[in-house]
Amino acid sequence: MPSHSIHLLVAYKYNPSGSAEFYIGNIAPDAVRDREDKDRTHLRNLPETERVVALAGLAKRLDLSRDENLGAVLHLYTDILWDTSQLKRYIQSYGEGWFRPYRQQTAIAGAWMYHNLPEIRRLWELVAGAVENSLAVDACRIICERILGDCKIGCGVECGNVREMILYNYSWNVANNPDPSPAFPPDVIERFADSAARSFAAFLRDHGLLGDAKQ
């Protein structure tokens, strides 16, 4: 669960000319409000060794020619890589009570990226402008339906509002200009994003998911 700015950097590394729908899809799955539901929709309820295979199965049920769906799959894939590397190392080094400090550090890292990486600032302006102008992206709902299809209310979870989530986080980044995060410094995030983008391309290829997705 990296910050949205980190998700946008991975998405940019994968496809620097992606559409607003693609980049919004890389944020939208986090609109699930309930933490337990979010763990399920992000496949964190599964053993670590099963998450990638489960994501491939989910992706095969989605139309990946729709940019928001491809973006949402990249979001989930990025979370798997982050959870099993950066997050795991943070928890091991910090110990008990890690959650709130961790969220603070990823937020600081994301705000630093907004103010110091022009491409990230451009992407935040792109997605915020798109949702302000009523661009509707249903990647959150689509992901939830595919994973939580047995639930009884709506699509299965309290999905929240993707538009409000994006605008709130955009405003927070604009208003906060911190020093780099000591836990997740820029060079670590850059290396992670480069590796994650390459790994995602291999994931699509290895599971026969390329279709209309970016080669």
Protein backbone atom coordinates (compact mmCIF):
# COMPACT_ATOMS: atom_id res chain seq x y z
CA MET A 1 0.00 0.00 0.00
CA PRO A 2 2.24 2.77 -1.26
CA SER A 3 1.02 6.33 -1.62
CA HIS A 4 -0.93 7.38 -4.70
CA SER A 5 2.06 9.35 -5.97
CA ILE A 6 4.11 6.16 -5.94
CA HIS A 7 1.35 4.39 -7.85
CA LEU A 8 1.38 7.21 -10.40
CA LEU A 9 5.15 6.96 -10.77
CA VAL A 10 4.95 3.23 -11.48
CA ALA A 11 2.14 3.87 -13.98
CA TYR A 12 4.23 6.61 -15.64
CA LYS A 13 7.22 4.29 -15.91
CA TYR A 14 4.99 1.66 -17.50
CA ASN A 15 3.25 4.05 -19.91
CA PRO A 16 4.34 7.71 -19.84
CA SER A 17 1.69 8.64 -22.42
CA GLY A 18 -1.21 6.89 -20.66
CA SER A 19 -4.72 8.34 -20.62
CA ALA A 20 -6.41 10.02 -17.68
CA GLU A 21 -8.52 6.85 -17.31
CA PHE A 22 -5.36 4.73 -17.03
CA TYR A 23 -3.84 6.91 -14.34
CA ILE A 24 -7.12 7.21 -12.42
CA GLY A 25 -7.41 3.42 -12.56
CA ASN A 26 -4.06 3.29 -10.78
CA ILE A 27 -5.66 5.12 -7.83
CA ALA A 28 -9.32 4.06 -7.88
CA PRO A 29 -9.09 0.66 -6.09
CA ASP A 30 -8.14 2.47 -2.88
CA ALA A 31 -11.60 4.04 -2.69
CA VAL A 32 -12.81 0.94 -0.81
CA ARG A 33 -13.43 2.32 2.68
CA ASP A 34 -13.53 -0.71 4.96
CA ARG A 35 -10.05 -2.00 5.74
CA GLU A 36 -11.11 -5.65 5.78
CA ASP A 37 -12.85 -5.28 2.42
CA LYS A 38 -9.80 -3.46 1.06
CA ASP A 39 -7.58 -6.35 2.14
CA ARG A 40 -9.86 -8.72 0.22
CA THR A 41 -10.10 -6.58 -2.91
CA HIS A 42 -6.34 -6.14 -2.86
CA LEU A 43 -5.90 -9.91 -2.39
CA ARG A 44 -4.10 -9.42 0.94
CA ASN A 45 -6.33 -12.08 2.51
CA LEU A 46 -4.45 -14.68 0.46
CA PRO A 47 -1.06 -16.22 1.23
CA GLU A 48 1.75 -14.14 -0.24
CA THR A 49 2.66 -16.89 -2.71
CA GLU A 50 -0.86 -16.98 -4.16
CA ARG A 51 -1.50 -13.30 -4.78
CA VAL A 52 0.08 -12.97 -8.23
CA VAL A 53 -1.72 -16.05 -9.58
CA ALA A 54 -5.01 -14.78 -8.14
CA LEU A 55 -4.45 -11.39 -9.76
CA ALA A 56 -3.80 -13.05 -13.11
CA GLY A 57 -7.12 -14.87 -12.77
CA LEU A 58 -8.88 -11.61 -11.95
CA ALA A 59 -7.22 -9.81 -14.87
CA LYS A 60 -8.42 -12.48 -17.29
CA ARG A 61 -12.00 -11.63 -16.33
CA LEU A 62 -11.51 -7.94 -17.08
CA ASP A 63 -11.42 -6.10 -20.40
CA LEU A 64 -7.86 -4.79 -20.30
CA SER A 65 -8.40 -2.74 -23.43
CA ARG A 66 -10.27 -0.39 -21.08
CA ASP A 67 -7.59 1.85 -19.66
CA GLU A 68 -9.12 2.12 -16.20
CA ASN A 69 -9.15 -1.69 -15.86
CA LEU A 70 -5.52 -2.01 -16.93
CA GLY A 71 -4.64 0.74 -14.47
CA ALA A 72 -6.50 -0.99 -11.66
CA VAL A 73 -4.67 -4.27 -12.33
CA LEU A 74 -1.37 -2.38 -12.28
CA HIS A 75 -2.42 -0.84 -8.95
CA LEU A 76 -3.01 -4.28 -7.42
CA TYR A 77 0.21 -5.67 -8.91
CA THR A 78 2.20 -2.72 -7.54
CA ASP A 79 0.72 -3.31 -4.10
CA ILE A 80 1.80 -6.95 -4.18
CA LEU A 81 5.38 -5.97 -5.02
CA TRP A 82 5.42 -3.16 -2.44
CA ASP A 83 3.86 -5.26 0.33
CA THR A 84 6.40 -8.04 -0.13
CA SER A 85 9.43 -5.74 -0.30
CA GLN A 86 9.25 -2.16 1.00
CA LEU A 87 6.39 -2.65 3.46
CA LYS A 88 7.80 -5.91 4.81
CA ARG A 89 11.17 -4.30 5.45
CA TYR A 90 9.55 -1.32 7.17
CA ILE A 91 7.49 -3.51 9.50
CA GLN A 92 10.53 -5.61 10.38
CA SER A 93 12.62 -2.55 11.20
CA TYR A 94 9.90 -0.59 13.06
CA GLY A 95 8.12 -3.34 14.94
CA GLU A 96 4.86 -3.00 16.86
CA GLY A 97 2.80 0.11 16.17
CA TRP A 98 4.16 0.50 12.65
CA PHE A 99 0.91 1.38 10.84
CA ARG A 100 0.42 5.09 11.56
CA PRO A 101 4.11 6.04 11.22
CA TYR A 102 4.24 4.06 7.98
CA ARG A 103 1.24 5.90 6.52
CA GLN A 104 2.84 9.20 7.51
CA GLN A 105 6.09 8.28 5.78
CA THR A 106 4.40 7.23 2.53
CA ALA A 107 2.33 10.43 2.57
CA ILE A 108 5.51 12.50 3.04
CA ALA A 109 7.19 10.61 0.22
CA GLY A 110 4.22 11.24 -2.06
CA ALA A 111 4.04 14.97 -1.31
CA TRP A 112 7.78 15.33 -1.90
CA MET A 113 7.32 13.66 -5.28
CA TYR A 114 4.52 16.07 -6.19
CA HIS A 115 6.70 19.12 -5.53
CA ASN A 116 9.96 17.75 -6.97
CA LEU A 117 9.04 15.46 -9.87
CA PRO A 118 7.37 17.44 -12.69
CA GLU A 119 5.88 14.30 -14.25
CA ILE A 120 4.09 13.42 -11.01
CA ARG A 121 2.77 16.94 -10.63
CA ARG A 122 1.50 16.77 -14.23
CA LEU A 123 -0.25 13.45 -13.57
CA TRP A 124 -1.92 14.73 -10.41
CA GLU A 125 -3.15 17.76 -12.35
CA LEU A 126 -4.35 15.45 -15.13
CA VAL A 127 -6.37 13.13 -12.88
CA ALA A 128 -7.70 15.93 -10.66
CA GLY A 129 -8.78 17.93 -13.69
CA ALA A 130 -10.42 14.90 -15.25
CA VAL A 131 -12.52 14.01 -12.23
CA GLU A 132 -13.40 17.66 -11.62
CA ASN A 133 -14.81 17.67 -15.14
CA SER A 134 -16.97 14.63 -14.35
CA LEU A 135 -14.85 11.89 -15.90
CA ALA A 136 -16.28 8.77 -14.27
CA VAL A 137 -13.98 5.78 -13.76
CA ASP A 138 -15.48 2.61 -12.33
CA ALA A 139 -12.29 0.63 -11.74
CA CYS A 140 -13.05 0.45 -8.02
CA ARG A 141 -16.49 -1.02 -8.65
CA ILE A 142 -15.24 -3.41 -11.34
CA ILE A 143 -12.49 -4.82 -9.10
CA CYS A 144 -14.89 -5.18 -6.17
CA GLU A 145 -17.51 -6.96 -8.25
CA ARG A 146 -15.01 -9.50 -9.55
CA ILE A 147 -13.63 -10.32 -6.10
CA LEU A 148 -16.61 -9.80 -3.81
CA GLY A 149 -19.40 -10.96 -6.11
CA ASP A 150 -21.09 -12.96 -3.35
CA CYS A 151 -21.84 -9.86 -1.27
CA LYS A 152 -25.37 -8.58 -0.88
CA ILE A 153 -25.14 -4.79 -0.96
CA GLY A 154 -24.43 -3.02 -4.24
CA CYS A 155 -21.13 -4.18 -5.67
CA GLY A 156 -20.20 -5.79 -2.36
CA VAL A 157 -18.33 -3.06 -0.51
CA GLU A 158 -18.75 0.53 0.57
CA CYS A 159 -16.72 1.91 -2.29
CA GLY A 160 -16.57 5.53 -1.35
CA ASN A 161 -16.16 8.26 -3.92
CA VAL A 162 -13.18 8.02 -6.29
CA ARG A 163 -13.59 11.67 -7.27
CA GLU A 164 -13.54 12.94 -3.70
CA MET A 165 -10.60 10.71 -2.80
CA ILE A 166 -8.52 12.00 -5.71
CA LEU A 167 -9.36 15.66 -5.09
CA TYR A 168 -8.66 15.36 -1.34
CA ASN A 169 -5.26 13.74 -1.91
CA TYR A 170 -4.39 16.17 -4.69
CA SER A 171 -5.15 19.12 -2.39
CA TRP A 172 -3.11 17.54 0.43
CA ASN A 173 -0.09 17.16 -1.84
CA VAL A 174 -0.39 20.74 -3.05
CA ALA A 175 -0.58 22.07 0.52
CA ASN A 176 2.32 20.02 1.94
CA ASN A 177 5.90 20.38 0.74
CA PRO A 178 8.06 18.22 3.07
CA ASP A 179 11.65 17.10 2.95
CA PRO A 180 12.15 13.59 1.53
CA SER A 181 10.91 10.71 3.64
CA PRO A 182 13.79 9.10 5.56
CA ALA A 183 11.98 5.76 5.42
CA PHE A 184 11.28 5.90 1.67
CA PRO A 185 13.83 8.24 0.08
CA PRO A 186 13.56 9.24 -3.59
CA ASP A 187 16.24 6.85 -4.85
CA VAL A 188 14.52 3.87 -3.24
CA ILE A 189 11.16 4.83 -4.75
CA GLU A 190 12.73 5.42 -8.18
CA ARG A 191 14.35 1.99 -8.20
CA PHE A 192 11.13 0.37 -7.01
CA ALA A 193 9.08 2.09 -9.73
CA ASP A 194 11.50 1.11 -12.49
CA SER A 195 11.50 -2.51 -11.34
CA ALA A 196 7.71 -2.64 -10.84
CA ALA A 197 6.99 -1.29 -14.33
CA ARG A 198 9.27 -3.86 -15.96
CA SER A 199 7.86 -6.62 -13.80
CA PHE A 200 4.27 -5.70 -14.71
CA ALA A 201 5.03 -5.91 -18.42
CA ALA A 202 6.48 -9.39 -17.82
CA PHE A 203 3.44 -10.36 -15.72
CA LEU A 204 1.07 -9.45 -18.57
CA ARG A 205 3.20 -11.29 -21.10
CA ASP A 206 3.74 -14.41 -19.00
CA HIS A 207 0.01 -14.78 -18.28
CA GLY A 208 -1.14 -14.08 -21.84
CA LEU A 209 -2.78 -10.82 -20.79
CA LEU A 210 -1.25 -8.39 -23.25
CA GLY A 211 -4.13 -8.16 -25.72
CA ASP A 212 -4.57 -4.44 -26.35
CA ALA A 213 -2.43 -3.54 -23.35
CA LYS A 214 0.80 -1.65 -23.88
CA GLN A 215 3.55 -4.00 -25.10
